[in-house]
PDB file of all heavy atoms in Angstrom:
ATOM      1  N   GLY A   1      37.075 -57.757 111.877  1.00  0.00           N
ATOM      2  CA  GLY A   1      36.768 -56.526 111.162  1.00  0.00           C
ATOM      3  C   GLY A   1      36.136 -56.756 109.805  1.00  0.00           C
ATOM      4  O   GLY A   1      35.677 -55.806 109.166  1.00  0.00           O
ATOM      5  N   ILE A   2      36.131 -58.007 109.356  1.00  0.00           N
ATOM      6  CA  ILE A   2      35.514 -58.335 108.069  1.00  0.00           C
ATOM      7  C   ILE A   2      34.000 -58.295 108.202  1.00  0.00           C
ATOM      8  O   ILE A   2      33.434 -58.751 109.206  1.00  0.00           O
ATOM      9  CB  ILE A   2      35.975 -59.732 107.589  1.00  0.00           C
ATOM     10  CG1 ILE A   2      37.478 -59.720 107.305  1.00  0.00           C
ATOM     11  CG2 ILE A   2      35.199 -60.167 106.337  1.00  0.00           C
ATOM     12  CD1 ILE A   2      38.050 -61.081 106.986  1.00  0.00           C
ATOM     13  N   GLU A   3      33.333 -57.751 107.209  1.00  0.00           N
ATOM     14  CA  GLU A   3      31.879 -57.722 107.178  1.00  0.00           C
ATOM     15  C   GLU A   3      31.383 -58.866 106.294  1.00  0.00           C
ATOM     16  O   GLU A   3      31.695 -58.909 105.106  1.00  0.00           O
ATOM     17  CB  GLU A   3      31.373 -56.376 106.636  1.00  0.00           C
ATOM     18  CG  GLU A   3      31.660 -55.222 107.572  1.00  0.00           C
ATOM     19  CD  GLU A   3      31.174 -53.893 107.016  1.00  0.00           C
ATOM     20  OE1 GLU A   3      31.203 -53.716 105.786  1.00  0.00           O
ATOM     21  OE2 GLU A   3      30.757 -53.048 107.821  1.00  0.00           O
ATOM     22  N   GLU A   4      30.624 -59.771 106.880  1.00  0.00           N
ATOM     23  CA  GLU A   4      30.159 -60.958 106.158  1.00  0.00           C
ATOM     24  C   GLU A   4      28.639 -60.922 106.032  1.00  0.00           C
ATOM     25  O   GLU A   4      27.925 -60.820 107.032  1.00  0.00           O
ATOM     26  CB  GLU A   4      30.594 -62.223 106.893  1.00  0.00           C
ATOM     27  CG  GLU A   4      30.291 -63.519 106.156  1.00  0.00           C
ATOM     28  CD  GLU A   4      31.045 -63.655 104.828  1.00  0.00           C
ATOM     29  OE1 GLU A   4      32.149 -63.074 104.696  1.00  0.00           O
ATOM     30  OE2 GLU A   4      30.519 -64.344 103.925  1.00  0.00           O
ATOM     31  N   PRO A   5      28.102 -60.996 104.809  1.00  0.00           N
ATOM     32  CA  PRO A   5      26.644 -61.006 104.658  1.00  0.00           C
ATOM     33  C   PRO A   5      26.036 -62.291 105.213  1.00  0.00           C
ATOM     34  O   PRO A   5      26.566 -63.377 105.010  1.00  0.00           O
ATOM     35  CB  PRO A   5      26.440 -60.905 103.147  1.00  0.00           C
ATOM     36  CG  PRO A   5      27.723 -61.339 102.531  1.00  0.00           C
ATOM     37  CD  PRO A   5      28.798 -61.022 103.510  1.00  0.00           C
ATOM     38  N   PHE A   6      24.942 -62.147 105.951  1.00  0.00           N
ATOM     39  CA  PHE A   6      24.258 -63.325 106.486  1.00  0.00           C
ATOM     40  C   PHE A   6      22.790 -63.359 106.091  1.00  0.00           C
ATOM     41  O   PHE A   6      22.124 -64.384 106.255  1.00  0.00           O
ATOM     42  CB  PHE A   6      24.407 -63.402 108.012  1.00  0.00           C
ATOM     43  CG  PHE A   6      23.724 -62.282 108.773  1.00  0.00           C
ATOM     44  CD1 PHE A   6      22.427 -62.436 109.245  1.00  0.00           C
ATOM     45  CD2 PHE A   6      24.382 -61.091 109.015  1.00  0.00           C
ATOM     46  CE1 PHE A   6      21.796 -61.418 109.953  1.00  0.00           C
ATOM     47  CE2 PHE A   6      23.774 -60.066 109.720  1.00  0.00           C
ATOM     48  CZ  PHE A   6      22.471 -60.225 110.193  1.00  0.00           C
ATOM     49  N   CYS A   7      22.263 -62.263 105.564  1.00  0.00           N
ATOM     50  CA  CYS A   7      20.876 -62.218 105.112  1.00  0.00           C
ATOM     51  C   CYS A   7      20.740 -61.145 104.041  1.00  0.00           C
ATOM     52  O   CYS A   7      21.648 -60.342 103.825  1.00  0.00           O
ATOM     53  CB  CYS A   7      19.925 -61.906 106.278  1.00  0.00           C
ATOM     54  SG  CYS A   7      19.279 -63.384 107.121  1.00  0.00           S
ATOM     55  N   GLY A   8      19.591 -61.160 103.388  1.00  0.00           N
ATOM     56  CA  GLY A   8      19.277 -60.137 102.407  1.00  0.00           C
ATOM     57  C   GLY A   8      18.129 -59.272 102.889  1.00  0.00           C
ATOM     58  O   GLY A   8      17.543 -59.500 103.949  1.00  0.00           O
ATOM     59  N   GLY A   9      17.811 -58.281 102.112  1.00  0.00           N
ATOM     60  CA  GLY A   9      16.693 -57.400 102.413  1.00  0.00           C
ATOM     61  C   GLY A   9      16.308 -56.643 101.160  1.00  0.00           C
ATOM     62  O   GLY A   9      16.928 -56.786 100.105  1.00  0.00           O
ATOM     63  N   THR A  10      15.285 -55.807 101.280  1.00  0.00           N
ATOM     64  CA  THR A  10      14.767 -55.068 100.131  1.00  0.00           C
ATOM     65  C   THR A  10      14.444 -53.643 100.532  1.00  0.00           C
ATOM     66  O   THR A  10      13.714 -53.416 101.501  1.00  0.00           O
ATOM     67  CB  THR A  10      13.482 -55.734  99.598  1.00  0.00           C
ATOM     68  OG1 THR A  10      13.704 -57.131  99.430  1.00  0.00           O
ATOM     69  CG2 THR A  10      13.068 -55.126  98.272  1.00  0.00           C
ATOM     70  N   LEU A  11      14.977 -52.686  99.793  1.00  0.00           N
ATOM     71  CA  LEU A  11      14.674 -51.282 100.044  1.00  0.00           C
ATOM     72  C   LEU A  11      13.267 -50.979  99.537  1.00  0.00           C
ATOM     73  O   LEU A  11      12.986 -51.100  98.343  1.00  0.00           O
ATOM     74  CB  LEU A  11      15.693 -50.395  99.328  1.00  0.00           C
ATOM     75  CG  LEU A  11      15.627 -48.895  99.645  1.00  0.00           C
ATOM     76  CD1 LEU A  11      16.075 -48.621 101.075  1.00  0.00           C
ATOM     77  CD2 LEU A  11      16.472 -48.090  98.655  1.00  0.00           C
ATOM     78  N   ILE A  12      12.378 -50.600 100.454  1.00  0.00           N
ATOM     79  CA  ILE A  12      10.996 -50.304 100.064  1.00  0.00           C
ATOM     80  C   ILE A  12      10.673 -48.815 100.181  1.00  0.00           C
ATOM     81  O   ILE A  12       9.704 -48.343  99.591  1.00  0.00           O
ATOM     82  CB  ILE A  12       9.975 -51.134 100.875  1.00  0.00           C
ATOM     83  CG1 ILE A  12      10.154 -50.906 102.376  1.00  0.00           C
ATOM     84  CG2 ILE A  12      10.091 -52.615 100.525  1.00  0.00           C
ATOM     85  CD1 ILE A  12       9.050 -51.539 103.224  1.00  0.00           C
ATOM     86  N   GLU A  13      11.462 -48.095 100.954  1.00  0.00           N
ATOM     87  CA  GLU A  13      11.437 -46.630 101.004  1.00  0.00           C
ATOM     88  C   GLU A  13      12.851 -46.197 101.315  1.00  0.00           C
ATOM     89  O   GLU A  13      13.680 -47.014 101.725  1.00  0.00           O
ATOM     90  CB  GLU A  13      10.442 -46.094 102.046  1.00  0.00           C
ATOM     91  CG  GLU A  13       9.019 -46.040 101.545  1.00  0.00           C
ATOM     92  CD  GLU A  13       8.135 -45.101 102.353  1.00  0.00           C
ATOM     93  OE1 GLU A  13       8.644 -44.397 103.253  1.00  0.00           O
ATOM     94  OE2 GLU A  13       6.922 -45.074 102.081  1.00  0.00           O
ATOM     95  N   SER A  14      13.129 -44.899 101.179  1.00  0.00           N
ATOM     96  CA  SER A  14      14.526 -44.447 101.248  1.00  0.00           C
ATOM     97  C   SER A  14      15.216 -44.796 102.561  1.00  0.00           C
ATOM     98  O   SER A  14      16.437 -44.939 102.595  1.00  0.00           O
ATOM     99  CB  SER A  14      14.593 -42.939 101.015  1.00  0.00           C
ATOM    100  OG  SER A  14      13.897 -42.242 102.033  1.00  0.00           O
ATOM    101  N   GLN A  15      14.450 -44.957 103.645  1.00  0.00           N
ATOM    102  CA  GLN A  15      15.070 -45.252 104.942  1.00  0.00           C
ATOM    103  C   GLN A  15      14.599 -46.575 105.527  1.00  0.00           C
ATOM    104  O   GLN A  15      14.889 -46.870 106.680  1.00  0.00           O
ATOM    105  CB  GLN A  15      14.798 -44.098 105.923  1.00  0.00           C
ATOM    106  CG  GLN A  15      15.835 -43.984 107.036  1.00  0.00           C
ATOM    107  CD  GLN A  15      15.720 -42.672 107.811  1.00  0.00           C
ATOM    108  OE1 GLN A  15      14.998 -41.770 107.424  1.00  0.00           O
ATOM    109  NE2 GLN A  15      16.445 -42.567 108.918  1.00  0.00           N
ATOM    110  N   TRP A  16      13.908 -47.387 104.728  1.00  0.00           N
ATOM    111  CA  TRP A  16      13.333 -48.623 105.257  1.00  0.00           C
ATOM    112  C   TRP A  16      13.677 -49.827 104.375  1.00  0.00           C
ATOM    113  O   TRP A  16      13.503 -49.776 103.155  1.00  0.00           O
ATOM    114  CB  TRP A  16      11.819 -48.502 105.370  1.00  0.00           C
ATOM    115  CG  TRP A  16      11.370 -47.566 106.450  1.00  0.00           C
ATOM    116  CD1 TRP A  16      11.041 -46.250 106.310  1.00  0.00           C
ATOM    117  CD2 TRP A  16      11.215 -47.869 107.839  1.00  0.00           C
ATOM    118  NE1 TRP A  16      10.679 -45.723 107.527  1.00  0.00           N
ATOM    119  CE2 TRP A  16      10.777 -46.690 108.485  1.00  0.00           C
ATOM    120  CE3 TRP A  16      11.402 -49.036 108.597  1.00  0.00           C
ATOM    121  CZ2 TRP A  16      10.515 -46.637 109.853  1.00  0.00           C
ATOM    122  CZ3 TRP A  16      11.147 -48.990 109.963  1.00  0.00           C
ATOM    123  CH2 TRP A  16      10.710 -47.801 110.579  1.00  0.00           C
ATOM    124  N   VAL A  17      14.117 -50.883 105.030  1.00  0.00           N
ATOM    125  CA  VAL A  17      14.451 -52.147 104.366  1.00  0.00           C
ATOM    126  C   VAL A  17      13.578 -53.248 104.961  1.00  0.00           C
ATOM    127  O   VAL A  17      13.454 -53.378 106.184  1.00  0.00           O
ATOM    128  CB  VAL A  17      15.946 -52.489 104.555  1.00  0.00           C
ATOM    129  CG1 VAL A  17      16.239 -53.930 104.154  1.00  0.00           C
ATOM    130  CG2 VAL A  17      16.815 -51.532 103.741  1.00  0.00           C
ATOM    131  N   LEU A  18      12.971 -54.032 104.088  1.00  0.00           N
ATOM    132  CA  LEU A  18      12.140 -55.166 104.493  1.00  0.00           C
ATOM    133  C   LEU A  18      12.995 -56.423 104.494  1.00  0.00           C
ATOM    134  O   LEU A  18      13.778 -56.660 103.574  1.00  0.00           O
ATOM    135  CB  LEU A  18      10.974 -55.322 103.512  1.00  0.00           C
ATOM    136  CG  LEU A  18       9.878 -56.324 103.864  1.00  0.00           C
ATOM    137  CD1 LEU A  18       9.114 -55.894 105.102  1.00  0.00           C
ATOM    138  CD2 LEU A  18       8.920 -56.480 102.680  1.00  0.00           C
ATOM    139  N   THR A  19      12.849 -57.259 105.527  1.00  0.00           N
ATOM    140  CA  THR A  19      13.647 -58.480 105.618  1.00  0.00           C
ATOM    141  C   THR A  19      12.865 -59.531 106.399  1.00  0.00           C
ATOM    142  O   THR A  19      11.671 -59.355 106.682  1.00  0.00           O
ATOM    143  CB  THR A  19      15.020 -58.182 106.266  1.00  0.00           C
ATOM    144  OG1 THR A  19      15.860 -59.343 106.167  1.00  0.00           O
ATOM    145  CG2 THR A  19      14.876 -57.770 107.723  1.00  0.00           C
ATOM    146  N   ALA A  20      13.525 -60.640 106.745  1.00  0.00           N
ATOM    147  CA  ALA A  20      12.891 -61.723 107.511  1.00  0.00           C
ATOM    148  C   ALA A  20      13.233 -61.578 108.991  1.00  0.00           C
ATOM    149  O   ALA A  20      14.388 -61.289 109.345  1.00  0.00           O
ATOM    150  CB  ALA A  20      13.361 -63.080 106.991  1.00  0.00           C
ATOM    151  N   ALA A  21      12.250 -61.794 109.839  1.00  0.00           N
ATOM    152  CA  ALA A  21      12.479 -61.694 111.287  1.00  0.00           C
ATOM    153  C   ALA A  21      13.498 -62.720 111.768  1.00  0.00           C
ATOM    154  O   ALA A  21      14.305 -62.448 112.662  1.00  0.00           O
ATOM    155  CB  ALA A  21      11.152 -61.856 112.029  1.00  0.00           C
ATOM    156  N   HIS A  22      13.505 -63.922 111.152  1.00  0.00           N
ATOM    157  CA  HIS A  22      14.370 -64.991 111.667  1.00  0.00           C
ATOM    158  C   HIS A  22      15.847 -64.691 111.464  1.00  0.00           C
ATOM    159  O   HIS A  22      16.700 -65.328 112.083  1.00  0.00           O
ATOM    160  CB  HIS A  22      13.994 -66.349 111.045  1.00  0.00           C
ATOM    161  CG  HIS A  22      14.593 -66.600 109.695  1.00  0.00           C
ATOM    162  ND1 HIS A  22      13.894 -66.443 108.522  1.00  0.00           N
ATOM    163  CD2 HIS A  22      15.835 -67.014 109.329  1.00  0.00           C
ATOM    164  CE1 HIS A  22      14.665 -66.757 107.494  1.00  0.00           C
ATOM    165  NE2 HIS A  22      15.856 -67.093 107.956  1.00  0.00           N
ATOM    166  N   CYS A  23      16.161 -63.701 110.614  1.00  0.00           N
ATOM    167  CA  CYS A  23      17.566 -63.325 110.428  1.00  0.00           C
ATOM    168  C   CYS A  23      18.201 -62.859 111.735  1.00  0.00           C
ATOM    169  O   CYS A  23      19.427 -62.917 111.890  1.00  0.00           O
ATOM    170  CB  CYS A  23      17.669 -62.214 109.382  1.00  0.00           C
ATOM    171  SG  CYS A  23      17.377 -62.772 107.685  1.00  0.00           S
ATOM    172  N   PHE A  24      17.365 -62.397 112.661  1.00  0.00           N
ATOM    173  CA  PHE A  24      17.886 -61.819 113.895  1.00  0.00           C
ATOM    174  C   PHE A  24      17.594 -62.686 115.118  1.00  0.00           C
ATOM    175  O   PHE A  24      17.661 -62.207 116.251  1.00  0.00           O
ATOM    176  CB  PHE A  24      17.308 -60.413 114.073  1.00  0.00           C
ATOM    177  CG  PHE A  24      17.718 -59.482 112.958  1.00  0.00           C
ATOM    178  CD1 PHE A  24      16.925 -59.357 111.821  1.00  0.00           C
ATOM    179  CD2 PHE A  24      18.887 -58.763 113.030  1.00  0.00           C
ATOM    180  CE1 PHE A  24      17.301 -58.514 110.784  1.00  0.00           C
ATOM    181  CE2 PHE A  24      19.279 -57.922 111.995  1.00  0.00           C
ATOM    182  CZ  PHE A  24      18.480 -57.798 110.879  1.00  0.00           C
ATOM    183  N   ASP A  25      17.298 -63.980 114.890  1.00  0.00           N
ATOM    184  CA  ASP A  25      17.015 -64.875 116.013  1.00  0.00           C
ATOM    185  C   ASP A  25      18.165 -64.950 117.008  1.00  0.00           C
ATOM    186  O   ASP A  25      17.951 -65.043 118.219  1.00  0.00           O
ATOM    187  CB  ASP A  25      16.709 -66.293 115.495  1.00  0.00           C
ATOM    188  CG  ASP A  25      15.299 -66.419 114.939  1.00  0.00           C
ATOM    189  OD1 ASP A  25      14.509 -65.462 115.087  1.00  0.00           O
ATOM    190  OD2 ASP A  25      14.988 -67.473 114.349  1.00  0.00           O
ATOM    191  N   ARG A  26      19.396 -64.930 116.513  1.00  0.00           N
ATOM    192  CA  ARG A  26      20.560 -65.123 117.378  1.00  0.00           C
ATOM    193  C   ARG A  26      21.263 -63.822 117.732  1.00  0.00           C
ATOM    194  O   ARG A  26      22.310 -63.838 118.384  1.00  0.00           O
ATOM    195  CB  ARG A  26      21.558 -66.070 116.695  1.00  0.00           C
ATOM    196  CG  ARG A  26      20.982 -67.450 116.426  1.00  0.00           C
ATOM    197  CD  ARG A  26      22.008 -68.343 115.746  1.00  0.00           C
ATOM    198  NE  ARG A  26      21.454 -69.641 115.410  1.00  0.00           N
ATOM    199  CZ  ARG A  26      22.121 -70.598 114.773  1.00  0.00           C
ATOM    200  NH1 ARG A  26      23.379 -70.390 114.410  1.00  0.00           N
ATOM    201  NH2 ARG A  26      21.550 -71.747 114.492  1.00  0.00           N
ATOM    202  N   LEU A  27      20.718 -62.705 117.295  1.00  0.00           N
ATOM    203  CA  LEU A  27      21.356 -61.415 117.549  1.00  0.00           C
ATOM    204  C   LEU A  27      20.529 -60.607 118.531  1.00  0.00           C
ATOM    205  O   LEU A  27      19.384 -60.263 118.252  1.00  0.00           O
ATOM    206  CB  LEU A  27      21.505 -60.635 116.240  1.00  0.00           C
ATOM    207  CG  LEU A  27      22.599 -61.093 115.283  1.00  0.00           C
ATOM    208  CD1 LEU A  27      22.494 -60.311 113.984  1.00  0.00           C
ATOM    209  CD2 LEU A  27      23.973 -60.906 115.890  1.00  0.00           C
ATOM    210  N   LYS A  28      21.109 -60.320 119.682  1.00  0.00           N
ATOM    211  CA  LYS A  28      20.410 -59.499 120.655  1.00  0.00           C
ATOM    212  C   LYS A  28      20.782 -58.024 120.505  1.00  0.00           C
ATOM    213  O   LYS A  28      20.101 -57.147 121.002  1.00  0.00           O
ATOM    214  CB  LYS A  28      20.740 -59.979 122.071  1.00  0.00           C
ATOM    215  CG  LYS A  28      20.343 -61.435 122.320  1.00  0.00           C
ATOM    216  CD  LYS A  28      20.343 -61.735 123.790  1.00  0.00           C
ATOM    217  CE  LYS A  28      20.058 -63.197 124.102  1.00  0.00           C
ATOM    218  NZ  LYS A  28      18.878 -63.718 123.440  1.00  0.00           N
ATOM    219  N   ASP A  29      21.890 -57.767 119.817  1.00  0.00           N
ATOM    220  CA  ASP A  29      22.378 -56.407 119.636  1.00  0.00           C
ATOM    221  C   ASP A  29      22.698 -56.196 118.156  1.00  0.00           C
ATOM    222  O   ASP A  29      23.469 -56.964 117.572  1.00  0.00           O
ATOM    223  CB  ASP A  29      23.637 -56.203 120.488  1.00  0.00           C
ATOM    224  CG  ASP A  29      24.219 -54.808 120.354  1.00  0.00           C
ATOM    225  OD1 ASP A  29      23.539 -53.938 119.785  1.00  0.00           O
ATOM    226  OD2 ASP A  29      25.357 -54.596 120.802  1.00  0.00           O
ATOM    227  N   VAL A  30      22.108 -55.182 117.556  1.00  0.00           N
ATOM    228  CA  VAL A  30      22.317 -54.952 116.117  1.00  0.00           C
ATOM    229  C   VAL A  30      23.401 -53.907 115.858  1.00  0.00           C
ATOM    230  O   VAL A  30      23.575 -53.473 114.718  1.00  0.00           O
ATOM    231  CB  VAL A  30      21.001 -54.530 115.425  1.00  0.00           C
ATOM    232  CG1 VAL A  30      19.975 -55.634 115.491  1.00  0.00           C
ATOM    233  CG2 VAL A  30      20.467 -53.229 116.016  1.00  0.00           C
ATOM    234  N   SER A  31      24.137 -53.520 116.899  1.00  0.00           N
ATOM    235  CA  SER A  31      25.159 -52.488 116.706  1.00  0.00           C
ATOM    236  C   SER A  31      26.286 -52.952 115.788  1.00  0.00           C
ATOM    237  O   SER A  31      26.976 -52.123 115.177  1.00  0.00           O
ATOM    238  CB  SER A  31      25.735 -52.052 118.054  1.00  0.00           C
ATOM    239  OG  SER A  31      26.370 -53.144 118.696  1.00  0.00           O
ATOM    240  N   SER A  32      26.482 -54.274 115.695  1.00  0.00           N
ATOM    241  CA  SER A  32      27.534 -54.800 114.819  1.00  0.00           C
ATOM    242  C   SER A  32      27.006 -55.179 113.438  1.00  0.00           C
ATOM    243  O   SER A  32      27.724 -55.759 112.627  1.00  0.00           O
ATOM    244  CB  SER A  32      28.188 -56.031 115.457  1.00  0.00           C
ATOM    245  OG  SER A  32      27.220 -57.046 115.668  1.00  0.00           O
ATOM    246  N   VAL A  33      25.749 -54.848 113.163  1.00  0.00           N
ATOM    247  CA  VAL A  33      25.122 -55.184 111.880  1.00  0.00           C
ATOM    248  C   VAL A  33      25.099 -53.946 110.984  1.00  0.00           C
ATOM    249  O   VAL A  33      24.833 -52.829 111.439  1.00  0.00           O
ATOM    250  CB  VAL A  33      23.692 -55.716 112.088  1.00  0.00           C
ATOM    251  CG1 VAL A  33      23.017 -56.007 110.749  1.00  0.00           C
ATOM    252  CG2 VAL A  33      23.714 -56.972 112.950  1.00  0.00           C
ATOM    253  N   ARG A  34      25.411 -54.146 109.724  1.00  0.00           N
ATOM    254  CA  ARG A  34      25.354 -53.087 108.744  1.00  0.00           C
ATOM    255  C   ARG A  34      24.442 -53.514 107.601  1.00  0.00           C
ATOM    256  O   ARG A  34      24.263 -54.711 107.350  1.00  0.00           O
ATOM    257  CB  ARG A  34      26.754 -52.778 108.180  1.00  0.00           C
ATOM    258  CG  ARG A  34      27.724 -52.241 109.229  1.00  0.00           C
ATOM    259  CD  ARG A  34      27.361 -50.831 109.655  1.00  0.00           C
ATOM    260  NE  ARG A  34      28.305 -50.286 110.620  1.00  0.00           N
ATOM    261  CZ  ARG A  34      28.179 -50.408 111.941  1.00  0.00           C
ATOM    262  NH1 ARG A  34      27.146 -51.079 112.449  1.00  0.00           N
ATOM    263  NH2 ARG A  34      29.052 -49.868 112.755  1.00  0.00           N
TER     264      ARG A  34
END
C-alpha cells in the first residue's frame, strides 16, 4: 500500500505531465501508478 516514487515528470499544462518513455519499460498496466 506504500506509494514509492520511481520517476519524475513536469507539469506542462493543467492535465498533462511530460516524462521519459523508459520509466514505463517494465509496466504494462498503469492502474497502480499515481
